[in-house]
Amino acid sequence: MGKWDKFNKIVDTEKLTNDVREIEENGGKREYQEIPEGTYEAVLARLECCENKNDEPMVKVAFRIIKGQYKGQWTWANYNLIYGLAISNLKTLLNDMEPEHEIEWDGNFTHFEETLINAFEELGEKVGVVLEIGKDKKGYPTFAISDCWDIGEEG
């Protein structure tokens, strides 16, 4: 029994095989339309604490659309945490998903990373949201959440 046998049980391999086939038929890329500004039902699909190209703290956040024309597509934004506005916007975004423990910034990056990781474990793919996608003055995507619910209520 190989180390990866467990993935055959937990990953939808039929869907994955179809995805690979579609990508290969399209010359190595999936044909998606860009997600326009608007309001979508989504789930938090990824939250990654990392460093940007300048070796500064950054958080990458991705949402997966769960209903409508763009179902299955992802949209993402990066938060460069050397700016107070980025930390505030990220805190607001995650706190609007109503985590058990409010996301706070205490001036310590280690604590903040731990808080973000714990929040993602609690919220990721488990909470549906009404996601409002916009753009800032520089054209970068912005996210706001106007409602959320336990994804178990979806059925």
N, C-alpha and C. Protein backbone atom coordinates (compact mmCIF):
# COMPACT_ATOMS: atom_id res chain seq x y z
N MET A 1 0.85 -1.18 0.00
CA MET A 1 0.00 0.00 0.00
C MET A 1 0.89 1.24 0.00
N GLY A 2 0.69 2.10 -0.98
CA GLY A 2 1.50 3.30 -1.11
C GLY A 2 1.04 4.41 -0.19
N LYS A 3 1.94 5.37 -0.02
CA LYS A 3 1.65 6.52 0.84
C LYS A 3 0.46 7.34 0.35
N TRP A 4 0.24 7.36 -0.94
CA TRP A 4 -0.82 8.19 -1.51
C TRP A 4 -2.14 7.46 -1.70
N ASP A 5 -2.22 6.21 -1.29
CA ASP A 5 -3.47 5.46 -1.43
C ASP A 5 -4.64 6.18 -0.76
N LYS A 6 -4.35 6.86 0.34
CA LYS A 6 -5.43 7.55 1.07
C LYS A 6 -6.12 8.59 0.21
N PHE A 7 -5.38 9.19 -0.75
CA PHE A 7 -5.98 10.23 -1.59
C PHE A 7 -7.04 9.68 -2.52
N ASN A 8 -6.94 8.41 -2.89
CA ASN A 8 -7.97 7.79 -3.73
C ASN A 8 -9.31 7.75 -3.02
N LYS A 9 -9.28 7.80 -1.69
CA LYS A 9 -10.52 7.76 -0.91
C LYS A 9 -11.08 9.14 -0.62
N ILE A 10 -10.20 10.15 -0.56
CA ILE A 10 -10.67 11.47 -0.13
C ILE A 10 -10.79 12.49 -1.26
N VAL A 11 -10.25 12.20 -2.43
CA VAL A 11 -10.32 13.11 -3.57
C VAL A 11 -11.30 12.53 -4.59
N ASP A 12 -12.11 13.39 -5.16
CA ASP A 12 -13.03 12.97 -6.22
C ASP A 12 -12.19 12.77 -7.49
N THR A 13 -11.67 11.55 -7.65
CA THR A 13 -10.73 11.28 -8.75
C THR A 13 -11.42 11.30 -10.11
N GLU A 14 -12.70 11.01 -10.17
CA GLU A 14 -13.42 11.09 -11.45
C GLU A 14 -13.49 12.53 -11.93
N LYS A 15 -13.84 13.44 -11.02
CA LYS A 15 -13.88 14.86 -11.37
C LYS A 15 -12.48 15.36 -11.72
N LEU A 16 -11.49 14.94 -10.96
CA LEU A 16 -10.12 15.35 -11.22
C LEU A 16 -9.65 14.87 -12.60
N THR A 17 -9.99 13.65 -12.96
CA THR A 17 -9.64 13.11 -14.27
C THR A 17 -10.29 13.92 -15.38
N ASN A 18 -11.55 14.28 -15.19
CA ASN A 18 -12.24 15.12 -16.18
C ASN A 18 -11.59 16.50 -16.29
N ASP A 19 -11.18 17.07 -15.16
CA ASP A 19 -10.49 18.36 -15.17
C ASP A 19 -9.20 18.28 -15.97
N VAL A 20 -8.41 17.24 -15.73
CA VAL A 20 -7.14 17.07 -16.44
C VAL A 20 -7.40 16.94 -17.94
N ARG A 21 -8.39 16.16 -18.32
CA ARG A 21 -8.73 15.97 -19.73
C ARG A 21 -9.13 17.30 -20.37
N GLU A 22 -9.99 18.07 -19.70
CA GLU A 22 -10.43 19.36 -20.22
C GLU A 22 -9.25 20.32 -20.41
N ILE A 23 -8.38 20.38 -19.42
CA ILE A 23 -7.21 21.26 -19.50
C ILE A 23 -6.32 20.86 -20.66
N GLU A 24 -6.07 19.58 -20.81
CA GLU A 24 -5.19 19.12 -21.90
C GLU A 24 -5.81 19.36 -23.27
N GLU A 25 -7.13 19.24 -23.36
CA GLU A 25 -7.82 19.51 -24.63
C GLU A 25 -7.78 21.00 -24.99
N ASN A 26 -7.59 21.86 -24.01
CA ASN A 26 -7.54 23.30 -24.23
C ASN A 26 -6.10 23.83 -24.24
N GLY A 27 -5.16 23.00 -24.62
CA GLY A 27 -3.78 23.44 -24.76
C GLY A 27 -3.09 23.75 -23.45
N GLY A 28 -3.46 23.05 -22.39
CA GLY A 28 -2.78 23.21 -21.12
C GLY A 28 -3.37 24.25 -20.20
N LYS A 29 -4.55 24.77 -20.54
CA LYS A 29 -5.18 25.74 -19.63
C LYS A 29 -6.68 25.52 -19.64
N ARG A 30 -7.28 25.88 -18.56
CA ARG A 30 -8.72 25.77 -18.45
C ARG A 30 -9.33 27.07 -18.95
N GLU A 31 -10.38 26.96 -19.71
CA GLU A 31 -11.03 28.13 -20.28
C GLU A 31 -12.05 28.69 -19.29
N TYR A 32 -11.66 29.72 -18.59
CA TYR A 32 -12.53 30.39 -17.65
C TYR A 32 -12.71 31.84 -18.07
N GLN A 33 -13.88 32.36 -17.83
CA GLN A 33 -14.10 33.78 -18.01
C GLN A 33 -13.63 34.48 -16.74
N GLU A 34 -13.13 35.69 -16.88
CA GLU A 34 -12.77 36.46 -15.70
C GLU A 34 -14.04 36.75 -14.91
N ILE A 35 -13.95 36.65 -13.59
CA ILE A 35 -15.10 36.91 -12.75
C ILE A 35 -15.25 38.42 -12.60
N PRO A 36 -16.35 38.97 -13.10
CA PRO A 36 -16.53 40.43 -13.03
C PRO A 36 -16.92 40.88 -11.63
N GLU A 37 -16.82 42.18 -11.41
CA GLU A 37 -17.30 42.74 -10.16
C GLU A 37 -18.76 42.34 -9.98
N GLY A 38 -19.14 42.06 -8.75
CA GLY A 38 -20.51 41.66 -8.50
C GLY A 38 -20.62 40.90 -7.19
N THR A 39 -21.77 40.28 -6.98
CA THR A 39 -22.07 39.56 -5.76
C THR A 39 -22.24 38.08 -6.08
N TYR A 40 -21.58 37.23 -5.29
CA TYR A 40 -21.54 35.80 -5.56
C TYR A 40 -21.66 35.01 -4.26
N GLU A 41 -22.20 33.79 -4.36
CA GLU A 41 -22.15 32.86 -3.24
C GLU A 41 -20.86 32.08 -3.39
N ALA A 42 -20.10 31.98 -2.29
CA ALA A 42 -18.77 31.38 -2.37
C ALA A 42 -18.39 30.74 -1.03
N VAL A 43 -17.25 30.06 -1.04
CA VAL A 43 -16.63 29.56 0.17
C VAL A 43 -15.17 29.98 0.17
N LEU A 44 -14.61 30.14 1.36
CA LEU A 44 -13.20 30.43 1.50
C LEU A 44 -12.45 29.15 1.15
N ALA A 45 -11.70 29.17 0.06
CA ALA A 45 -11.04 27.96 -0.43
C ALA A 45 -9.57 27.88 -0.02
N ARG A 46 -8.93 29.01 0.19
CA ARG A 46 -7.51 29.01 0.54
C ARG A 46 -7.16 30.27 1.30
N LEU A 47 -6.30 30.09 2.28
CA LEU A 47 -5.71 31.21 3.01
C LEU A 47 -4.27 30.79 3.27
N GLU A 48 -3.34 31.50 2.67
CA GLU A 48 -1.93 31.13 2.76
C GLU A 48 -1.12 32.29 3.31
N CYS A 49 -0.42 32.04 4.42
CA CYS A 49 0.51 33.02 4.99
C CYS A 49 1.87 32.78 4.33
N CYS A 50 2.39 33.79 3.69
CA CYS A 50 3.63 33.62 2.94
C CYS A 50 4.39 34.95 2.91
N GLU A 51 5.36 35.04 2.02
CA GLU A 51 6.10 36.28 1.81
C GLU A 51 5.95 36.70 0.36
N ASN A 52 5.90 38.02 0.14
CA ASN A 52 5.82 38.52 -1.23
C ASN A 52 7.23 38.54 -1.83
N LYS A 53 7.35 39.05 -3.05
CA LYS A 53 8.65 39.05 -3.74
C LYS A 53 9.69 39.92 -3.05
N ASN A 54 9.24 40.79 -2.15
CA ASN A 54 10.16 41.65 -1.38
C ASN A 54 10.45 41.08 0.01
N ASP A 55 10.11 39.80 0.21
CA ASP A 55 10.31 39.11 1.49
C ASP A 55 9.54 39.76 2.64
N GLU A 56 8.39 40.33 2.33
CA GLU A 56 7.53 40.95 3.33
C GLU A 56 6.33 40.02 3.59
N PRO A 57 5.73 40.10 4.78
CA PRO A 57 4.61 39.22 5.10
C PRO A 57 3.39 39.52 4.22
N MET A 58 2.80 38.44 3.72
CA MET A 58 1.64 38.58 2.84
C MET A 58 0.69 37.41 3.12
N VAL A 59 -0.58 37.64 2.92
CA VAL A 59 -1.58 36.59 3.00
C VAL A 59 -2.32 36.54 1.67
N LYS A 60 -2.39 35.33 1.10
CA LYS A 60 -3.16 35.10 -0.12
C LYS A 60 -4.48 34.47 0.28
N VAL A 61 -5.57 35.06 -0.19
CA VAL A 61 -6.91 34.58 0.12
C VAL A 61 -7.61 34.23 -1.19
N ALA A 62 -8.22 33.06 -1.23
CA ALA A 62 -8.95 32.64 -2.43
C ALA A 62 -10.35 32.16 -2.04
N PHE A 63 -11.32 32.54 -2.85
CA PHE A 63 -12.69 32.08 -2.69
C PHE A 63 -13.08 31.27 -3.92
N ARG A 64 -13.90 30.24 -3.71
CA ARG A 64 -14.44 29.44 -4.81
C ARG A 64 -15.93 29.73 -4.89
N ILE A 65 -16.38 30.11 -6.08
CA ILE A 65 -17.80 30.40 -6.32
C ILE A 65 -18.57 29.08 -6.28
N ILE A 66 -19.70 29.04 -5.57
CA ILE A 66 -20.43 27.78 -5.41
C ILE A 66 -21.78 27.75 -6.12
N LYS A 67 -22.20 28.89 -6.71
CA LYS A 67 -23.48 28.92 -7.43
C LYS A 67 -23.39 29.87 -8.60
N GLY A 68 -24.25 29.62 -9.59
CA GLY A 68 -24.38 30.56 -10.70
C GLY A 68 -23.43 30.29 -11.86
N GLN A 69 -23.35 31.23 -12.74
CA GLN A 69 -22.59 31.13 -13.98
C GLN A 69 -21.11 30.81 -13.76
N TYR A 70 -20.55 31.29 -12.66
CA TYR A 70 -19.12 31.14 -12.41
C TYR A 70 -18.82 30.02 -11.40
N LYS A 71 -19.81 29.15 -11.16
CA LYS A 71 -19.66 28.06 -10.21
C LYS A 71 -18.38 27.28 -10.51
N GLY A 72 -17.60 27.05 -9.45
CA GLY A 72 -16.37 26.28 -9.57
C GLY A 72 -15.13 27.14 -9.80
N GLN A 73 -15.32 28.39 -10.22
CA GLN A 73 -14.18 29.26 -10.46
C GLN A 73 -13.69 29.86 -9.16
N TRP A 74 -12.42 30.24 -9.16
CA TRP A 74 -11.79 30.84 -7.99
C TRP A 74 -11.48 32.29 -8.27
N THR A 75 -11.48 33.09 -7.22
CA THR A 75 -11.02 34.46 -7.28
C THR A 75 -10.17 34.71 -6.04
N TRP A 76 -9.17 35.55 -6.18
CA TRP A 76 -8.24 35.70 -5.06
C TRP A 76 -7.73 37.12 -4.95
N ALA A 77 -7.20 37.41 -3.76
CA ALA A 77 -6.58 38.71 -3.49
C ALA A 77 -5.42 38.48 -2.52
N ASN A 78 -4.45 39.36 -2.60
CA ASN A 78 -3.29 39.32 -1.72
C ASN A 78 -3.33 40.49 -0.77
N TYR A 79 -2.95 40.25 0.46
CA TYR A 79 -2.91 41.28 1.49
C TYR A 79 -1.46 41.43 1.96
N ASN A 80 -0.80 42.53 1.59
CA ASN A 80 0.56 42.80 2.02
C ASN A 80 0.51 43.40 3.42
N LEU A 81 0.99 42.64 4.38
CA LEU A 81 0.78 42.97 5.78
C LEU A 81 1.77 43.99 6.34
N ILE A 82 2.43 44.75 5.48
CA ILE A 82 3.23 45.86 5.98
C ILE A 82 2.40 47.14 5.98
N TYR A 83 1.15 47.01 5.58
CA TYR A 83 0.24 48.16 5.53
C TYR A 83 -0.92 47.93 6.51
N GLY A 84 -1.18 48.93 7.34
CA GLY A 84 -2.27 48.84 8.29
C GLY A 84 -3.61 48.59 7.62
N LEU A 85 -3.83 49.21 6.45
CA LEU A 85 -5.10 49.03 5.75
C LEU A 85 -5.28 47.57 5.33
N ALA A 86 -4.21 46.91 4.90
CA ALA A 86 -4.31 45.51 4.50
C ALA A 86 -4.68 44.63 5.68
N ILE A 87 -4.04 44.87 6.82
CA ILE A 87 -4.36 44.08 8.02
C ILE A 87 -5.81 44.32 8.43
N SER A 88 -6.24 45.57 8.42
CA SER A 88 -7.61 45.90 8.79
C SER A 88 -8.61 45.26 7.83
N ASN A 89 -8.34 45.34 6.52
CA ASN A 89 -9.25 44.75 5.54
C ASN A 89 -9.33 43.23 5.68
N LEU A 90 -8.19 42.58 5.92
CA LEU A 90 -8.18 41.13 6.10
C LEU A 90 -8.94 40.74 7.36
N LYS A 91 -8.71 41.45 8.45
CA LYS A 91 -9.44 41.18 9.69
C LYS A 91 -10.94 41.31 9.48
N THR A 92 -11.36 42.39 8.83
CA THR A 92 -12.78 42.62 8.59
C THR A 92 -13.37 41.50 7.75
N LEU A 93 -12.67 41.14 6.68
CA LEU A 93 -13.15 40.08 5.79
C LEU A 93 -13.40 38.79 6.57
N LEU A 94 -12.41 38.37 7.35
CA LEU A 94 -12.55 37.11 8.08
C LEU A 94 -13.54 37.22 9.23
N ASN A 95 -13.55 38.33 9.94
CA ASN A 95 -14.51 38.49 11.04
C ASN A 95 -15.95 38.54 10.54
N ASP A 96 -16.15 39.02 9.31
CA ASP A 96 -17.49 39.02 8.72
C ASP A 96 -17.98 37.61 8.43
N MET A 97 -17.08 36.63 8.48
CA MET A 97 -17.47 35.22 8.32
C MET A 97 -17.85 34.61 9.67
N GLU A 98 -17.81 35.41 10.72
CA GLU A 98 -18.24 35.04 12.07
C GLU A 98 -17.50 33.84 12.65
N PRO A 99 -16.15 33.93 12.72
CA PRO A 99 -15.41 32.84 13.35
C PRO A 99 -15.70 32.79 14.84
N GLU A 100 -15.42 31.65 15.46
CA GLU A 100 -15.65 31.50 16.90
C GLU A 100 -14.86 32.53 17.70
N HIS A 101 -13.61 32.77 17.29
CA HIS A 101 -12.76 33.76 17.96
C HIS A 101 -12.47 34.89 17.00
N GLU A 102 -12.74 36.12 17.42
CA GLU A 102 -12.52 37.28 16.56
C GLU A 102 -11.05 37.40 16.18
N ILE A 103 -10.79 37.75 14.92
CA ILE A 103 -9.43 37.96 14.44
C ILE A 103 -8.97 39.32 14.95
N GLU A 104 -7.84 39.33 15.64
CA GLU A 104 -7.28 40.56 16.18
C GLU A 104 -5.82 40.69 15.77
N TRP A 105 -5.35 41.91 15.65
CA TRP A 105 -3.93 42.20 15.41
C TRP A 105 -3.37 42.76 16.72
N ASP A 106 -2.35 42.08 17.27
CA ASP A 106 -1.75 42.54 18.53
C ASP A 106 -0.31 43.02 18.34
N GLY A 107 0.09 43.21 17.08
CA GLY A 107 1.43 43.69 16.81
C GLY A 107 2.46 42.58 16.69
N ASN A 108 2.02 41.32 16.71
CA ASN A 108 2.93 40.19 16.65
C ASN A 108 2.56 39.32 15.46
N PHE A 109 3.47 39.23 14.48
CA PHE A 109 3.18 38.46 13.27
C PHE A 109 2.99 36.98 13.55
N THR A 110 3.74 36.43 14.50
CA THR A 110 3.59 35.00 14.83
C THR A 110 2.19 34.73 15.35
N HIS A 111 1.71 35.56 16.26
CA HIS A 111 0.35 35.39 16.80
C HIS A 111 -0.69 35.56 15.69
N PHE A 112 -0.47 36.54 14.82
CA PHE A 112 -1.43 36.80 13.75
C PHE A 112 -1.50 35.60 12.80
N GLU A 113 -0.34 35.05 12.45
CA GLU A 113 -0.33 33.87 11.57
C GLU A 113 -1.08 32.71 12.21
N GLU A 114 -0.83 32.45 13.49
CA GLU A 114 -1.53 31.37 14.19
C GLU A 114 -3.04 31.59 14.19
N THR A 115 -3.44 32.84 14.42
CA THR A 115 -4.86 33.18 14.42
C THR A 115 -5.47 32.94 13.05
N LEU A 116 -4.75 33.34 11.99
CA LEU A 116 -5.26 33.16 10.63
C LEU A 116 -5.37 31.68 10.27
N ILE A 117 -4.37 30.90 10.63
CA ILE A 117 -4.40 29.46 10.34
C ILE A 117 -5.58 28.81 11.06
N ASN A 118 -5.77 29.16 12.33
CA ASN A 118 -6.91 28.60 13.08
C ASN A 118 -8.24 29.02 12.46
N ALA A 119 -8.34 30.28 12.03
CA ALA A 119 -9.58 30.75 11.40
C ALA A 119 -9.85 29.99 10.12
N PHE A 120 -8.81 29.75 9.31
CA PHE A 120 -9.03 29.01 8.06
C PHE A 120 -9.47 27.58 8.35
N GLU A 121 -8.87 26.95 9.35
CA GLU A 121 -9.30 25.59 9.70
C GLU A 121 -10.77 25.56 10.10
N GLU A 122 -11.23 26.62 10.74
CA GLU A 122 -12.62 26.69 11.16
C GLU A 122 -13.56 27.04 10.01
N LEU A 123 -13.14 27.97 9.15
CA LEU A 123 -14.04 28.54 8.15
C LEU A 123 -13.89 27.95 6.74
N GLY A 124 -12.71 27.50 6.40
CA GLY A 124 -12.43 27.09 5.03
C GLY A 124 -13.34 25.97 4.54
N GLU A 125 -14.04 26.24 3.45
CA GLU A 125 -14.97 25.30 2.81
C GLU A 125 -16.14 24.90 3.72
N LYS A 126 -16.26 25.52 4.88
CA LYS A 126 -17.31 25.15 5.84
C LYS A 126 -18.37 26.23 6.01
N VAL A 127 -18.05 27.44 5.55
CA VAL A 127 -18.97 28.57 5.70
C VAL A 127 -19.24 29.16 4.32
N GLY A 128 -20.50 29.21 3.95
CA GLY A 128 -20.88 29.87 2.71
C GLY A 128 -20.98 31.36 2.95
N VAL A 129 -20.64 32.14 1.94
CA VAL A 129 -20.68 33.60 2.09
C VAL A 129 -21.31 34.24 0.87
N VAL A 130 -21.88 35.42 1.09
CA VAL A 130 -22.24 36.30 0.00
C VAL A 130 -21.04 37.22 -0.16
N LEU A 131 -20.31 37.01 -1.24
CA LEU A 131 -19.06 37.70 -1.50
C LEU A 131 -19.28 38.80 -2.51
N GLU A 132 -18.93 40.01 -2.13
CA GLU A 132 -19.03 41.15 -3.03
C GLU A 132 -17.63 41.46 -3.55
N ILE A 133 -17.46 41.32 -4.85
CA ILE A 133 -16.16 41.55 -5.47
C ILE A 133 -16.18 42.91 -6.14
N GLY A 134 -15.18 43.70 -5.82
CA GLY A 134 -15.02 45.02 -6.43
C GLY A 134 -13.58 45.21 -6.84
N LYS A 135 -13.21 46.45 -7.11
CA LYS A 135 -11.83 46.79 -7.46
C LYS A 135 -11.45 48.06 -6.70
N ASP A 136 -10.17 48.12 -6.30
CA ASP A 136 -9.70 49.34 -5.65
C ASP A 136 -9.22 50.33 -6.71
N LYS A 137 -8.66 51.46 -6.28
CA LYS A 137 -8.23 52.51 -7.20
C LYS A 137 -7.17 52.04 -8.19
N LYS A 138 -6.39 51.05 -7.79
CA LYS A 138 -5.33 50.53 -8.67
C LYS A 138 -5.80 49.36 -9.52
N GLY A 139 -7.06 48.97 -9.39
CA GLY A 139 -7.61 47.89 -10.19
C GLY A 139 -7.47 46.51 -9.57
N TYR A 140 -6.97 46.44 -8.33
CA TYR A 140 -6.84 45.15 -7.66
C TYR A 140 -8.18 44.74 -7.07
N PRO A 141 -8.45 43.42 -7.02
CA PRO A 141 -9.74 42.97 -6.49
C PRO A 141 -9.90 43.30 -5.02
N THR A 142 -11.13 43.61 -4.63
CA THR A 142 -11.48 43.79 -3.23
C THR A 142 -12.61 42.83 -2.91
N PHE A 143 -12.62 42.34 -1.68
CA PHE A 143 -13.66 41.43 -1.22
C PHE A 143 -14.37 42.02 -0.02
N ALA A 144 -15.67 41.82 0.03
CA ALA A 144 -16.46 42.15 1.21
C ALA A 144 -17.51 41.06 1.37
N ILE A 145 -17.86 40.77 2.59
CA ILE A 145 -18.85 39.73 2.87
C ILE A 145 -20.06 40.38 3.51
N SER A 146 -21.23 40.12 2.90
CA SER A 146 -22.45 40.73 3.42
C SER A 146 -23.35 39.73 4.16
N ASP A 147 -23.03 38.41 4.06
CA ASP A 147 -23.82 37.40 4.76
C ASP A 147 -23.00 36.12 4.80
N CYS A 148 -23.29 35.27 5.76
CA CYS A 148 -22.63 33.96 5.82
C CYS A 148 -23.54 32.94 6.48
N TRP A 149 -23.25 31.67 6.25
CA TRP A 149 -24.06 30.57 6.80
C TRP A 149 -23.22 29.31 6.84
N ASP A 150 -23.61 28.40 7.69
CA ASP A 150 -22.96 27.10 7.78
C ASP A 150 -23.24 26.35 6.48
N ILE A 151 -22.20 25.90 5.82
CA ILE A 151 -22.36 25.25 4.51
C ILE A 151 -23.19 23.98 4.62
N GLY A 152 -23.26 23.40 5.82
CA GLY A 152 -24.10 22.22 6.03
C GLY A 152 -25.56 22.49 5.75
N GLU A 153 -25.95 23.77 5.82
CA GLU A 153 -27.34 24.14 5.54
C GLU A 153 -27.67 24.05 4.06
N GLU A 154 -26.62 23.90 3.21
CA GLU A 154 -26.83 23.82 1.77
C GLU A 154 -27.42 22.47 1.37
N GLY A 155 -27.25 21.50 2.20
CA GLY A 155 -27.88 20.25 1.87
C GLY A 155 -26.97 19.11 1.93
